[in-house]
C-alpha atoms as a PDB file:
ATOM      1  CA  MET A   1      -6.576  23.116 -49.782  1.00  0.00           C
ATOM      2  CA  GLY A   2      -9.425  24.708 -51.706  1.00  0.00           C
ATOM      3  CA  ASN A   3      -7.835  23.818 -55.029  1.00  0.00           C
ATOM      4  CA  LYS A   4      -9.212  20.492 -56.150  1.00  0.00           C
ATOM      5  CA  ASN A   5      -6.189  19.661 -58.264  1.00  0.00           C
ATOM      6  CA  SER A   6      -3.648  20.521 -55.600  1.00  0.00           C
ATOM      7  CA  CYS A   7      -5.207  18.080 -53.140  1.00  0.00           C
ATOM      8  CA  CYS A   8      -4.906  15.036 -55.324  1.00  0.00           C
ATOM      9  CA  SER A   9      -2.019  15.669 -57.686  1.00  0.00           C
ATOM     10  CA  TYR A  10       0.702  14.001 -55.678  1.00  0.00           C
ATOM     11  CA  SER A  11       2.879  10.982 -56.159  1.00  0.00           C
ATOM     12  CA  SER A  12       1.501   8.251 -53.962  1.00  0.00           C
ATOM     13  CA  PRO A  13       3.915   5.898 -52.231  1.00  0.00           C
ATOM     14  CA  PRO A  14       3.748   2.270 -53.284  1.00  0.00           C
ATOM     15  CA  VAL A  15       1.545  -0.062 -51.314  1.00  0.00           C
ATOM     16  CA  ARG A  16       3.200  -3.053 -49.741  1.00  0.00           C
ATOM     17  CA  ARG A  17       1.513  -6.429 -50.064  1.00  0.00           C
ATOM     18  CA  LYS A  18       2.045  -9.509 -47.999  1.00  0.00           C
ATOM     19  CA  ASP A  19      -0.087 -12.612 -47.875  1.00  0.00           C
ATOM     20  CA  VAL A  20      -1.175 -13.613 -44.374  1.00  0.00           C
ATOM     21  CA  GLY A  21       1.040 -16.442 -43.204  1.00  0.00           C
ATOM     22  CA  SER A  22       3.576 -15.820 -45.941  1.00  0.00           C
ATOM     23  CA  ASN A  23       6.979 -14.131 -45.930  1.00  0.00           C
ATOM     24  CA  ASN A  24       6.646 -12.884 -49.497  1.00  0.00           C
ATOM     25  CA  VAL A  25       6.351  -9.110 -49.525  1.00  0.00           C
ATOM     26  CA  GLU A  26       6.041  -6.796 -52.487  1.00  0.00           C
ATOM     27  CA  TYR A  27       5.041  -3.212 -53.151  1.00  0.00           C
ATOM     28  CA  ALA A  28       2.032  -2.661 -55.358  1.00  0.00           C
ATOM     29  CA  ASN A  29       1.883  -0.059 -58.122  1.00  0.00           C
ATOM     30  CA  ASN A  30       0.447   3.370 -57.466  1.00  0.00           C
ATOM     31  CA  ASP A  31      -2.593   2.665 -59.615  1.00  0.00           C
ATOM     32  CA  ASP A  32      -3.450  -0.372 -57.476  1.00  0.00           C
ATOM     33  CA  SER A  33      -4.674   1.301 -54.308  1.00  0.00           C
ATOM     34  CA  VAL A  34      -4.113   4.822 -53.083  1.00  0.00           C
ATOM     35  CA  GLY A  35      -2.738   6.185 -56.354  1.00  0.00           C
ATOM     36  CA  ASN A  36      -6.285   6.979 -57.487  1.00  0.00           C
ATOM     37  CA  LEU A  37      -7.574   8.443 -54.250  1.00  0.00           C
ATOM     38  CA  GLN A  38     -10.769  10.364 -54.808  1.00  0.00           C
ATOM     39  CA  HIS A  39     -11.091  13.988 -53.931  1.00  0.00           C
ATOM     40  CA  ILE A  40     -13.356  14.588 -50.940  1.00  0.00           C
ATOM     41  CA  SER A  41     -15.984  16.195 -53.211  1.00  0.00           C
ATOM     42  CA  GLU A  42     -15.992  13.154 -55.517  1.00  0.00           C
ATOM     43  CA  ARG A  43     -16.898  10.539 -52.952  1.00  0.00           C
ATOM     44  CA  GLU A  44     -20.255   8.912 -53.617  1.00  0.00           C
ATOM     45  CA  PRO A  45     -23.050   9.220 -51.020  1.00  0.00           C
ATOM     46  CA  GLU A  46     -22.982   5.488 -50.353  1.00  0.00           C
ATOM     47  CA  ASP A  47     -19.326   5.787 -49.370  1.00  0.00           C
ATOM     48  CA  TRP A  48     -20.252   8.083 -46.529  1.00  0.00           C
ATOM     49  CA  ASP A  49     -22.954   5.760 -45.249  1.00  0.00           C
ATOM     50  CA  THR A  50     -20.466   2.955 -44.649  1.00  0.00           C
ATOM     51  CA  ASP A  51     -17.608   5.103 -43.339  1.00  0.00           C
ATOM     52  CA  PRO A  52     -17.590   4.830 -39.520  1.00  0.00           C
ATOM     53  CA  SER A  53     -15.358   7.894 -39.187  1.00  0.00           C
ATOM     54  CA  LEU A  54     -17.999  10.087 -40.849  1.00  0.00           C
ATOM     55  CA  HIS A  55     -21.413   8.462 -40.512  1.00  0.00           C
ATOM     56  CA  PRO A  56     -22.847   8.216 -36.973  1.00  0.00           C
ATOM     57  CA  LYS A  57     -24.750   4.985 -37.722  1.00  0.00           C
ATOM     58  CA  ALA A  58     -21.912   3.057 -39.385  1.00  0.00           C
ATOM     59  CA  ARG A  59     -20.406   0.543 -36.966  1.00  0.00           C
ATOM     60  CA  THR A  60     -16.853   1.198 -35.845  1.00  0.00           C
ATOM     61  CA  ILE A  61     -14.242  -1.146 -37.272  1.00  0.00           C
ATOM     62  CA  PHE A  62     -12.465  -1.781 -33.992  1.00  0.00           C
ATOM     63  CA  LEU A  63     -15.628  -2.939 -32.242  1.00  0.00           C
ATOM     64  CA  GLU A  64     -16.374  -5.376 -35.059  1.00  0.00           C
ATOM     65  CA  ARG A  65     -12.869  -6.814 -34.933  1.00  0.00           C
ATOM     66  CA  SER A  66     -12.864  -7.019 -31.158  1.00  0.00           C
ATOM     67  CA  LYS A  67     -15.722  -9.512 -31.350  1.00  0.00           C
ATOM     68  CA  LEU A  68     -13.618 -11.893 -33.430  1.00  0.00           C
ATOM     69  CA  GLU A  69     -11.301 -14.477 -31.934  1.00  0.00           C
ATOM     70  CA  ASN A  70      -9.618 -16.695 -34.501  1.00  0.00           C
ATOM     71  CA  GLY A  71     -12.528 -16.093 -36.844  1.00  0.00           C
ATOM     72  CA  LEU A  72     -15.126 -17.024 -34.220  1.00  0.00           C
ATOM     73  CA  SER A  73     -17.254 -14.943 -31.904  1.00  0.00           C
ATOM     74  CA  ARG A  74     -15.719 -14.293 -28.522  1.00  0.00           C
ATOM     75  CA  LYS A  75     -17.708 -16.056 -25.819  1.00  0.00           C
ATOM     76  CA  LYS A  76     -17.305 -16.166 -22.057  1.00  0.00           C
ATOM     77  CA  SER A  77     -19.118 -18.327 -19.620  1.00  0.00           C
ATOM     78  CA  LEU A  78     -21.037 -16.668 -16.856  1.00  0.00           C
ATOM     79  CA  ASN A  79     -18.784 -18.380 -14.307  1.00  0.00           C
ATOM     80  CA  ASN A  80     -15.645 -16.902 -15.851  1.00  0.00           C
ATOM     81  CA  ILE A  81     -17.187 -13.446 -15.964  1.00  0.00           C
ATOM     82  CA  GLY A  82     -18.192 -13.681 -12.331  1.00  0.00           C
ATOM     83  CA  ASP A  83     -14.733 -14.797 -11.272  1.00  0.00           C
ATOM     84  CA  THR A  84     -12.734 -12.130 -13.098  1.00  0.00           C
ATOM     85  CA  ARG A  85     -14.753  -8.984 -12.620  1.00  0.00           C
ATOM     86  CA  THR A  86     -14.194  -6.960  -9.502  1.00  0.00           C
ATOM     87  CA  LEU A  87     -17.012  -5.658  -7.379  1.00  0.00           C
ATOM     88  CA  LYS A  88     -18.333  -2.224  -8.221  1.00  0.00           C
ATOM     89  CA  LYS A  89     -18.793   0.401  -5.566  1.00  0.00           C
ATOM     90  CA  SER A  90     -22.405   1.194  -4.743  1.00  0.00           C
ATOM     91  CA  SER A  91     -23.811   4.493  -3.586  1.00  0.00           C
ATOM     92  CA  SER A  92     -25.257   4.747  -0.103  1.00  0.00           C
ATOM     93  CA  CYS A  93     -26.994   7.379   1.961  1.00  0.00           C
ATOM     94  CA  SER A  94     -23.683   8.775   3.173  1.00  0.00           C
ATOM     95  CA  THR A  95     -21.601   8.427  -0.025  1.00  0.00           C
ATOM     96  CA  ILE A  96     -22.473   8.886  -3.676  1.00  0.00           C
ATOM     97  CA  TYR A  97     -20.175   7.395  -6.324  1.00  0.00           C
ATOM     98  CA  LEU A  98     -20.066   8.834  -9.820  1.00  0.00           C
ATOM     99  CA  ASP A  99     -18.425   7.558 -12.974  1.00  0.00           C
ATOM    100  CA  ASP A 100     -15.533   9.963 -13.495  1.00  0.00           C
ATOM    101  CA  SER A 101     -15.685   9.590 -17.284  1.00  0.00           C
ATOM    102  CA  THR A 102     -18.266  11.331 -19.446  1.00  0.00           C
ATOM    103  CA  VAL A 103     -18.553  11.942 -23.161  1.00  0.00           C
ATOM    104  CA  SER A 104     -17.572  15.594 -22.681  1.00  0.00           C
ATOM    105  CA  GLN A 105     -14.826  14.891 -20.124  1.00  0.00           C
ATOM    106  CA  PRO A 106     -13.470  11.355 -20.562  1.00  0.00           C
ATOM    107  CA  ASN A 107     -11.086   9.832 -18.062  1.00  0.00           C
ATOM    108  CA  LEU A 108      -7.628  10.051 -19.641  1.00  0.00           C
ATOM    109  CA  LYS A 109      -6.080   6.855 -18.280  1.00  0.00           C
ATOM    110  CA  ASN A 110      -9.009   4.609 -19.086  1.00  0.00           C
ATOM    111  CA  THR A 111      -9.583   6.211 -22.474  1.00  0.00           C
ATOM    112  CA  LEU A 112      -5.962   5.508 -23.429  1.00  0.00           C
ATOM    113  CA  LYS A 113      -6.390   1.905 -22.305  1.00  0.00           C
ATOM    114  CA  CYS A 114      -9.529   1.553 -24.422  1.00  0.00           C
ATOM    115  CA  VAL A 115      -7.891   3.107 -27.487  1.00  0.00           C
ATOM    116  CA  SER A 116      -4.932   0.755 -26.996  1.00  0.00           C
ATOM    117  CA  PHE A 117      -7.346  -2.186 -26.923  1.00  0.00           C
ATOM    118  CA  ALA A 118      -8.928  -0.933 -30.154  1.00  0.00           C
ATOM    119  CA  ILE A 119      -5.512  -0.752 -31.850  1.00  0.00           C
ATOM    120  CA  TYR A 120      -4.655  -4.185 -30.457  1.00  0.00           C
ATOM    121  CA  TYR A 121      -7.729  -5.781 -32.063  1.00  0.00           C
ATOM    122  CA  HIS A 122      -7.108  -3.896 -35.292  1.00  0.00           C
ATOM    123  CA  ILE A 123      -3.698  -5.578 -35.504  1.00  0.00           C
ATOM    124  CA  LYS A 124      -4.694  -8.987 -34.206  1.00  0.00           C
ATOM    125  CA  ASN A 125      -7.784  -9.468 -36.356  1.00  0.00           C
ATOM    126  CA  ARG A 126      -6.627  -7.636 -39.483  1.00  0.00           C
ATOM    127  CA  THR A 127      -7.955  -8.940 -42.770  1.00  0.00           C
ATOM    128  CA  SER A 128      -4.976  -8.160 -45.004  1.00  0.00           C
ATOM    129  CA  GLU A 129      -1.310  -7.192 -45.039  1.00  0.00           C
ATOM    130  CA  ARG A 130      -1.480  -4.158 -47.309  1.00  0.00           C
ATOM    131  CA  ARG A 131       0.838  -1.391 -46.144  1.00  0.00           C
ATOM    132  CA  LEU A 132       2.627   1.775 -47.230  1.00  0.00           C
ATOM    133  CA  GLU A 133       6.322   2.601 -47.190  1.00  0.00           C
ATOM    134  CA  ILE A 134       5.887   5.781 -45.146  1.00  0.00           C
ATOM    135  CA  PHE A 135       4.573   3.752 -42.188  1.00  0.00           C
ATOM    136  CA  ASP A 136       7.078   0.893 -42.429  1.00  0.00           C
ATOM    137  CA  GLU A 137       9.305   0.870 -39.338  1.00  0.00           C
ATOM    138  CA  LYS A 138      12.062  -0.962 -41.198  1.00  0.00           C
ATOM    139  CA  LEU A 139      12.328   1.831 -43.762  1.00  0.00           C
ATOM    140  CA  HIS A 140      11.567   4.652 -41.311  1.00  0.00           C
ATOM    141  CA  PRO A 141      12.704   3.497 -37.851  1.00  0.00           C
ATOM    142  CA  LEU A 142      11.670   5.484 -34.786  1.00  0.00           C
ATOM    143  CA  THR A 143      14.895   4.620 -32.969  1.00  0.00           C
ATOM    144  CA  LYS A 144      18.515   4.105 -33.960  1.00  0.00           C
ATOM    145  CA  ASP A 145      18.368   0.541 -32.717  1.00  0.00           C
ATOM    146  CA  GLU A 146      18.520  -1.951 -35.544  1.00  0.00           C
ATOM    147  CA  VAL A 147      15.102  -3.296 -36.463  1.00  0.00           C
ATOM    148  CA  SER A 148      15.019  -7.092 -36.424  1.00  0.00           C
ATOM    149  CA  ASP A 149      14.141  -9.069 -39.533  1.00  0.00           C
ATOM    150  CA  ASP A 150      10.984 -10.455 -37.893  1.00  0.00           C
ATOM    151  CA  TYR A 151       9.743  -7.022 -36.786  1.00  0.00           C
ATOM    152  CA  ASP A 152       6.440  -7.548 -38.612  1.00  0.00           C
ATOM    153  CA  CYS A 153       5.838 -11.165 -37.638  1.00  0.00           C
ATOM    154  CA  TYR A 154       4.598 -10.908 -34.060  1.00  0.00           C
ATOM    155  CA  ASN A 155       1.576  -8.991 -32.841  1.00  0.00           C
ATOM    156  CA  PRO A 156       2.285  -6.524 -30.029  1.00  0.00           C
ATOM    157  CA  GLU A 157       0.642  -7.034 -26.665  1.00  0.00           C
ATOM    158  CA  HIS A 158      -1.883  -4.566 -25.346  1.00  0.00           C
ATOM    159  CA  ARG A 159       0.568  -3.349 -22.703  1.00  0.00           C
ATOM    160  CA  GLU A 160       3.161  -2.463 -25.346  1.00  0.00           C
ATOM    161  CA  ILE A 161       0.626  -0.429 -27.303  1.00  0.00           C
ATOM    162  CA  TYR A 162      -0.644   1.299 -24.171  1.00  0.00           C
ATOM    163  CA  LYS A 163       2.905   2.158 -23.068  1.00  0.00           C
ATOM    164  CA  PHE A 164       3.685   3.746 -26.457  1.00  0.00           C
ATOM    165  CA  VAL A 165       0.452   5.767 -26.547  1.00  0.00           C
ATOM    166  CA  ARG A 166       0.690   6.794 -22.892  1.00  0.00           C
ATOM    167  CA  THR A 167       4.277   8.006 -23.336  1.00  0.00           C
ATOM    168  CA  LEU A 168       3.292  10.301 -26.202  1.00  0.00           C
ATOM    169  CA  PHE A 169       0.198  11.644 -24.454  1.00  0.00           C
ATOM    170  CA  ASN A 170       1.936  12.280 -21.149  1.00  0.00           C
ATOM    171  CA  ALA A 171       4.969  13.942 -22.724  1.00  0.00           C
ATOM    172  CA  ALA A 172       2.871  16.137 -25.027  1.00  0.00           C
ATOM    173  CA  GLN A 173       0.214  16.719 -22.308  1.00  0.00           C
ATOM    174  CA  LEU A 174      -2.632  15.731 -24.612  1.00  0.00           C
ATOM    175  CA  THR A 175      -6.234  15.247 -23.523  1.00  0.00           C
ATOM    176  CA  ALA A 176      -8.503  12.215 -23.505  1.00  0.00           C
ATOM    177  CA  GLU A 177     -10.661  13.751 -26.224  1.00  0.00           C
ATOM    178  CA  CYS A 178      -7.562  13.826 -28.422  1.00  0.00           C
ATOM    179  CA  ALA A 179      -7.210  10.049 -27.962  1.00  0.00           C
ATOM    180  CA  ILE A 180     -10.721   9.484 -29.327  1.00  0.00           C
ATOM    181  CA  ILE A 181     -10.015  11.730 -32.320  1.00  0.00           C
ATOM    182  CA  THR A 182      -6.801   9.753 -32.873  1.00  0.00           C
ATOM    183  CA  LEU A 183      -8.810   6.552 -33.219  1.00  0.00           C
ATOM    184  CA  VAL A 184     -11.229   8.236 -35.635  1.00  0.00           C
ATOM    185  CA  TYR A 185      -8.346   9.358 -37.861  1.00  0.00           C
ATOM    186  CA  LEU A 186      -6.781   5.911 -37.692  1.00  0.00           C
ATOM    187  CA  GLU A 187      -9.931   4.190 -38.937  1.00  0.00           C
ATOM    188  CA  ARG A 188     -10.434   6.892 -41.560  1.00  0.00           C
ATOM    189  CA  LEU A 189      -6.930   6.197 -42.847  1.00  0.00           C
ATOM    190  CA  LEU A 190      -7.581   2.459 -43.054  1.00  0.00           C
ATOM    191  CA  THR A 191     -10.828   3.128 -44.926  1.00  0.00           C
ATOM    192  CA  TYR A 192      -9.552   5.765 -47.354  1.00  0.00           C
ATOM    193  CA  ALA A 193      -6.120   4.287 -48.154  1.00  0.00           C
ATOM    194  CA  ASP A 194      -7.318   0.653 -48.150  1.00  0.00           C
ATOM    195  CA  ILE A 195      -4.483  -0.541 -45.930  1.00  0.00           C
ATOM    196  CA  ASP A 196      -4.300  -2.413 -42.644  1.00  0.00           C
ATOM    197  CA  ILE A 197      -2.455  -1.785 -39.421  1.00  0.00           C
ATOM    198  CA  THR A 198       0.167  -4.472 -38.822  1.00  0.00           C
ATOM    199  CA  PRO A 199       2.982  -5.269 -36.353  1.00  0.00           C
ATOM    200  CA  GLY A 200       5.435  -3.510 -38.672  1.00  0.00           C
ATOM    201  CA  ASN A 201       3.604  -0.198 -39.136  1.00  0.00           C
ATOM    202  CA  TRP A 202       1.329   0.365 -36.152  1.00  0.00           C
ATOM    203  CA  LYS A 203       3.648   2.754 -34.308  1.00  0.00           C
ATOM    204  CA  ARG A 204       4.033   5.162 -37.205  1.00  0.00           C
ATOM    205  CA  ILE A 205       0.323   5.038 -38.056  1.00  0.00           C
ATOM    206  CA  VAL A 206      -0.572   5.806 -34.435  1.00  0.00           C
ATOM    207  CA  LEU A 207       2.066   8.547 -34.325  1.00  0.00           C
ATOM    208  CA  GLY A 208       0.659  10.175 -37.456  1.00  0.00           C
ATOM    209  CA  ALA A 209      -2.897  10.030 -36.095  1.00  0.00           C
ATOM    210  CA  ILE A 210      -1.798  11.539 -32.757  1.00  0.00           C
ATOM    211  CA  LEU A 211       0.138  14.254 -34.577  1.00  0.00           C
ATOM    212  CA  LEU A 212      -2.936  15.347 -36.538  1.00  0.00           C
ATOM    213  CA  SER A 213      -5.424  15.046 -33.695  1.00  0.00           C
ATOM    214  CA  SER A 214      -3.236  17.125 -31.370  1.00  0.00           C
ATOM    215  CA  LYS A 215      -3.127  19.927 -33.933  1.00  0.00           C
ATOM    216  CA  VAL A 216      -6.812  19.785 -34.804  1.00  0.00           C
ATOM    217  CA  TRP A 217      -8.318  19.241 -31.373  1.00  0.00           C
ATOM    218  CA  ASP A 218      -6.078  20.841 -28.748  1.00  0.00           C
ATOM    219  CA  ASP A 219      -5.944  24.626 -28.482  1.00  0.00           C
ATOM    220  CA  GLN A 220      -2.199  24.518 -27.834  1.00  0.00           C
ATOM    221  CA  ALA A 221      -0.949  22.263 -30.604  1.00  0.00           C
ATOM    222  CA  VAL A 222       2.264  20.297 -30.309  1.00  0.00           C
ATOM    223  CA  TRP A 223       4.837  21.146 -32.965  1.00  0.00           C
ATOM    224  CA  ASN A 224       6.529  18.424 -34.981  1.00  0.00           C
ATOM    225  CA  ILE A 225       9.847  19.265 -33.406  1.00  0.00           C
ATOM    226  CA  ASP A 226       8.297  18.606 -29.986  1.00  0.00           C
ATOM    227  CA  TYR A 227       7.675  14.987 -30.962  1.00  0.00           C
ATOM    228  CA  CYS A 228      11.318  14.782 -31.981  1.00  0.00           C
ATOM    229  CA  GLN A 229      12.163  15.641 -28.377  1.00  0.00           C
ATOM    230  CA  ILE A 230       9.999  12.723 -27.229  1.00  0.00           C
ATOM    231  CA  LEU A 231      11.255  10.280 -29.874  1.00  0.00           C
ATOM    232  CA  LYS A 232      14.917  11.258 -29.798  1.00  0.00           C
ATOM    233  CA  ASP A 233      16.013   9.484 -32.978  1.00  0.00           C
ATOM    234  CA  ILE A 234      13.331  10.686 -35.397  1.00  0.00           C
ATOM    235  CA  THR A 235      14.025  13.734 -37.582  1.00  0.00           C
ATOM    236  CA  VAL A 236      11.819  16.742 -38.206  1.00  0.00           C
ATOM    237  CA  GLU A 237      11.904  16.013 -41.939  1.00  0.00           C
ATOM    238  CA  ASP A 238      10.538  12.530 -41.295  1.00  0.00           C
ATOM    239  CA  MET A 239       7.765  13.935 -39.100  1.00  0.00           C
ATOM    240  CA  ASN A 240       6.853  16.506 -41.742  1.00  0.00           C
ATOM    241  CA  GLU A 241       6.690  13.851 -44.457  1.00  0.00           C
ATOM    242  CA  LEU A 242       4.626  11.572 -42.222  1.00  0.00           C
ATOM    243  CA  GLU A 243       2.141  14.369 -41.568  1.00  0.00           C
ATOM    244  CA  ARG A 244       1.961  15.373 -45.235  1.00  0.00           C
ATOM    245  CA  GLN A 245       1.255  11.883 -46.531  1.00  0.00           C
ATOM    246  CA  PHE A 246      -1.184  11.153 -43.700  1.00  0.00           C
ATOM    247  CA  LEU A 247      -3.147  14.279 -44.629  1.00  0.00           C
ATOM    248  CA  GLU A 248      -3.120  13.408 -48.317  1.00  0.00           C
ATOM    249  CA  MET A 249      -4.397   9.909 -47.634  1.00  0.00           C
ATOM    250  CA  LEU A 250      -7.180  11.418 -45.516  1.00  0.00           C
ATOM    251  CA  GLN A 251      -7.939  13.657 -48.503  1.00  0.00           C
ATOM    252  CA  PHE A 252      -7.460  16.580 -46.109  1.00  0.00           C
ATOM    253  CA  ASN A 253     -10.722  15.596 -44.436  1.00  0.00           C
ATOM    254  CA  ILE A 254      -9.996  16.184 -40.746  1.00  0.00           C
ATOM    255  CA  ASN A 255     -13.537  17.065 -39.701  1.00  0.00           C
ATOM    256  CA  VAL A 256     -15.068  14.884 -36.974  1.00  0.00           C
ATOM    257  CA  PRO A 257     -18.826  15.399 -36.381  1.00  0.00           C
ATOM    258  CA  SER A 258     -19.952  15.469 -32.770  1.00  0.00           C
ATOM    259  CA  SER A 259     -22.246  12.492 -33.399  1.00  0.00           C
ATOM    260  CA  VAL A 260     -19.287  10.434 -34.654  1.00  0.00           C
ATOM    261  CA  TYR A 261     -17.192  11.467 -31.658  1.00  0.00           C
ATOM    262  CA  ALA A 262     -19.969  10.360 -29.290  1.00  0.00           C
ATOM    263  CA  LYS A 263     -20.334   7.039 -31.142  1.00  0.00           C
ATOM    264  CA  TYR A 264     -16.638   6.269 -30.767  1.00  0.00           C
ATOM    265  CA  TYR A 265     -16.742   7.203 -27.079  1.00  0.00           C
ATOM    266  CA  PHE A 266     -19.602   4.833 -26.284  1.00  0.00           C
ATOM    267  CA  ASP A 267     -18.149   2.061 -28.463  1.00  0.00           C
ATOM    268  CA  LEU A 268     -14.929   2.390 -26.468  1.00  0.00           C
ATOM    269  CA  ARG A 269     -17.009   2.026 -23.314  1.00  0.00           C
ATOM    270  CA  SER A 270     -18.493  -1.171 -24.748  1.00  0.00           C
ATOM    271  CA  LEU A 271     -15.006  -2.414 -25.586  1.00  0.00           C
ATOM    272  CA  ALA A 272     -13.909  -1.711 -22.020  1.00  0.00           C
ATOM    273  CA  GLU A 273     -16.815  -3.736 -20.657  1.00  0.00           C
ATOM    274  CA  ASP A 274     -16.036  -6.634 -22.997  1.00  0.00           C
ATOM    275  CA  ASN A 275     -12.442  -6.676 -21.730  1.00  0.00           C
ATOM    276  CA  ASP A 276     -13.364  -6.336 -18.050  1.00  0.00           C
ATOM    277  CA  LEU A 277     -11.934  -2.822 -17.867  1.00  0.00           C
ATOM    278  CA  ILE A 278     -13.937  -1.002 -15.215  1.00  0.00           C
ATOM    279  CA  PHE A 279     -14.053   2.765 -15.225  1.00  0.00           C
ATOM    280  CA  PRO A 280     -13.375   3.902 -11.641  1.00  0.00           C
ATOM    281  CA  ALA A 281     -16.241   5.337  -9.643  1.00  0.00           C
ATOM    282  CA  GLU A 282     -15.172   8.380  -7.646  1.00  0.00           C
ATOM    283  CA  PRO A 283     -16.984   9.633  -4.531  1.00  0.00           C
ATOM    284  CA  LEU A 284     -18.997  12.779  -5.117  1.00  0.00           C
ATOM    285  CA  SER A 285     -16.996  15.595  -3.547  1.00  0.00           C
ATOM    286  CA  LYS A 286     -18.322  18.957  -2.458  1.00  0.00           C
ATOM    287  CA  GLU A 287     -16.578  20.716  -5.340  1.00  0.00           C
ATOM    288  CA  ARG A 288     -17.950  18.257  -7.905  1.00  0.00           C
ATOM    289  CA  ALA A 289     -21.461  18.619  -6.466  1.00  0.00           C
ATOM    290  CA  GLN A 290     -21.230  22.395  -6.766  1.00  0.00           C
ATOM    291  CA  LYS A 291     -20.155  22.105 -10.401  1.00  0.00           C
ATOM    292  CA  LEU A 292     -23.069  19.781 -11.172  1.00  0.00           C
ATOM    293  CA  GLU A 293     -25.458  22.152  -9.439  1.00  0.00           C
ATOM    294  CA  ALA A 294     -24.098  25.096 -11.431  1.00  0.00           C
ATOM    295  CA  MET A 295     -24.469  23.159 -14.682  1.00  0.00           C
ATOM    296  CA  SER A 296     -28.061  22.278 -13.779  1.00  0.00           C
ATOM    297  CA  ARG A 297     -28.901  25.919 -13.024  1.00  0.00           C
ATOM    298  CA  ILE A 298     -27.411  27.077 -16.304  1.00  0.00           C
ATOM    299  CA  TYR A 299     -29.491  24.542 -18.209  1.00  0.00           C
ATOM    300  CA  GLU A 300     -32.650  25.478 -16.298  1.00  0.00           C
ATOM    301  CA  ASP A 301     -32.099  29.118 -17.234  1.00  0.00           C
ATOM    302  CA  LYS A 302     -31.640  28.091 -20.863  1.00  0.00           C
ATOM    303  CA  ILE A 303     -34.904  26.133 -20.812  1.00  0.00           C
ATOM    304  CA  THR A 304     -36.698  29.141 -19.344  1.00  0.00           C
ATOM    305  CA  VAL A 305     -35.426  31.414 -22.096  1.00  0.00           C
ATOM    306  CA  ASP A 306     -36.367  28.874 -24.763  1.00  0.00           C
ATOM    307  CA  VAL A 307     -39.884  28.569 -23.373  1.00  0.00           C
ATOM    308  CA  LEU A 308     -40.300  32.338 -23.413  1.00  0.00           C
ATOM    309  CA  LYS A 309     -39.102  32.595 -27.008  1.00  0.00           C
ATOM    310  CA  ARG A 310     -41.094  29.643 -28.325  1.00  0.00           C
ATOM    311  CA  ASN A 311     -44.422  30.475 -26.745  1.00  0.00           C
ATOM    312  CA  GLN A 312     -43.940  34.255 -26.984  1.00  0.00           C
ATOM    313  CA  MET A 313     -45.394  34.670 -23.550  1.00  0.00           C
ATOM    314  CA  LYS A 314     -46.814  38.047 -22.525  1.00  0.00           C
ATOM    315  CA  LYS A 315     -44.966  40.325 -20.121  1.00  0.00           C
ATOM    316  CA  TRP A 316     -47.640  39.944 -17.433  1.00  0.00           C
ATOM    317  CA  SER A 317     -47.447  36.141 -17.391  1.00  0.00           C
ATOM    318  CA  SER A 318     -46.687  34.724 -13.979  1.00  0.00           C
ATOM    319  CA  LEU A 319     -43.079  33.661 -13.409  1.00  0.00           C
ATOM    320  CA  ASP A 320     -44.432  30.655 -11.512  1.00  0.00           C
ATOM    321  CA  ASN A 321     -45.932  29.351 -14.750  1.00  0.00           C
ATOM    322  CA  VAL A 322     -42.582  29.623 -16.481  1.00  0.00           C
ATOM    323  CA  ASN A 323     -40.813  27.789 -13.651  1.00  0.00           C
ATOM    324  CA  ASN A 324     -43.459  25.072 -13.652  1.00  0.00           C
ATOM    325  CA  MET A 325     -43.067  24.562 -17.373  1.00  0.00           C
ATOM    326  CA  ALA A 326     -39.275  24.361 -17.047  1.00  0.00           C
ATOM    327  CA  ALA A 327     -39.485  21.984 -14.103  1.00  0.00           C
ATOM    328  CA  SER A 328     -41.796  19.654 -15.996  1.00  0.00           C
ATOM    329  CA  ARG A 329     -39.098  18.966 -18.561  1.00  0.00           C
ATOM    330  CA  LYS A 330     -36.693  16.115 -18.073  1.00  0.00           C
ATOM    331  CA  SER A 331     -33.067  16.999 -17.387  1.00  0.00           C
ATOM    332  CA  VAL A 332     -30.454  15.715 -19.799  1.00  0.00           C
ATOM    333  CA  ALA A 333     -27.874  15.415 -17.048  1.00  0.00           C
ATOM    334  CA  ILE A 334     -26.967  11.775 -16.411  1.00  0.00           C
ATOM    335  CA  LEU A 335     -25.342  10.655 -13.187  1.00  0.00           C
ATOM    336  CA  SER A 336     -23.902   7.200 -13.636  1.00  0.00           C
END
């Protein structure tokens, strides 16, 4: 991957074009879209500033599209919001409820639901019909069942997307963090390859993003043949080709900065709130309280060491002074 020529000297698949609301479909020439993909070192600085999968301040695409409803801003009356949202549990003197999802340890079920919502809005509010052959389910079906002629005419429901994603994650035993990385790779693909996710290609795009994220993020990566055990009718050769072209269209850029990961996590939280998806509040158990206490002690010890190094305190300084200085600092632990 260090060879600049080897990264980009490949034959790009043709891009498929279809006008929104039209049944006319054609494949564009290689020179039209992804045939001239830039090498990662050739991308201009301004490209990075607007790429949400790389720049922490660039707004995520899915959150922008989720705010659109038939070209208009989504609005809800206060009465409708009050009627649909369930009551949240409140902490009391005897019971403390904590949000079981954090940026470092997201809740798997709710994260998958949020990612499914993001994919749903990507499809529903897409701005074009540009696609690639490698992701076309008609040309590369995931099952032996015959694909209908109108396979790309109807948007999938959120439940269908969630069921597909949940099946892959449960069978491969992937983590919630992997789901967030999957969404980052998906939006990076749409940005780099200049295509859109549609009813006819969303499954293979999501599968390719999950395949890469599981290998990059999880310590125990899932092999391509393992996915063939989950999707019985897909071949290993097809999985290998899907992975190869996905990587090439990402320009082999699979790095996800921590700031970008955190941005996607909190944007998914905002998406959940917009769609009345409440993250469950779990009662604070004895074991969880002990873990939080241990984490607090570890951080207090780290602050103490940092204070000693920064101020170069003398050996005869009172330990009480060090403890007072550490205690005066605000803790970064957030209990929500």
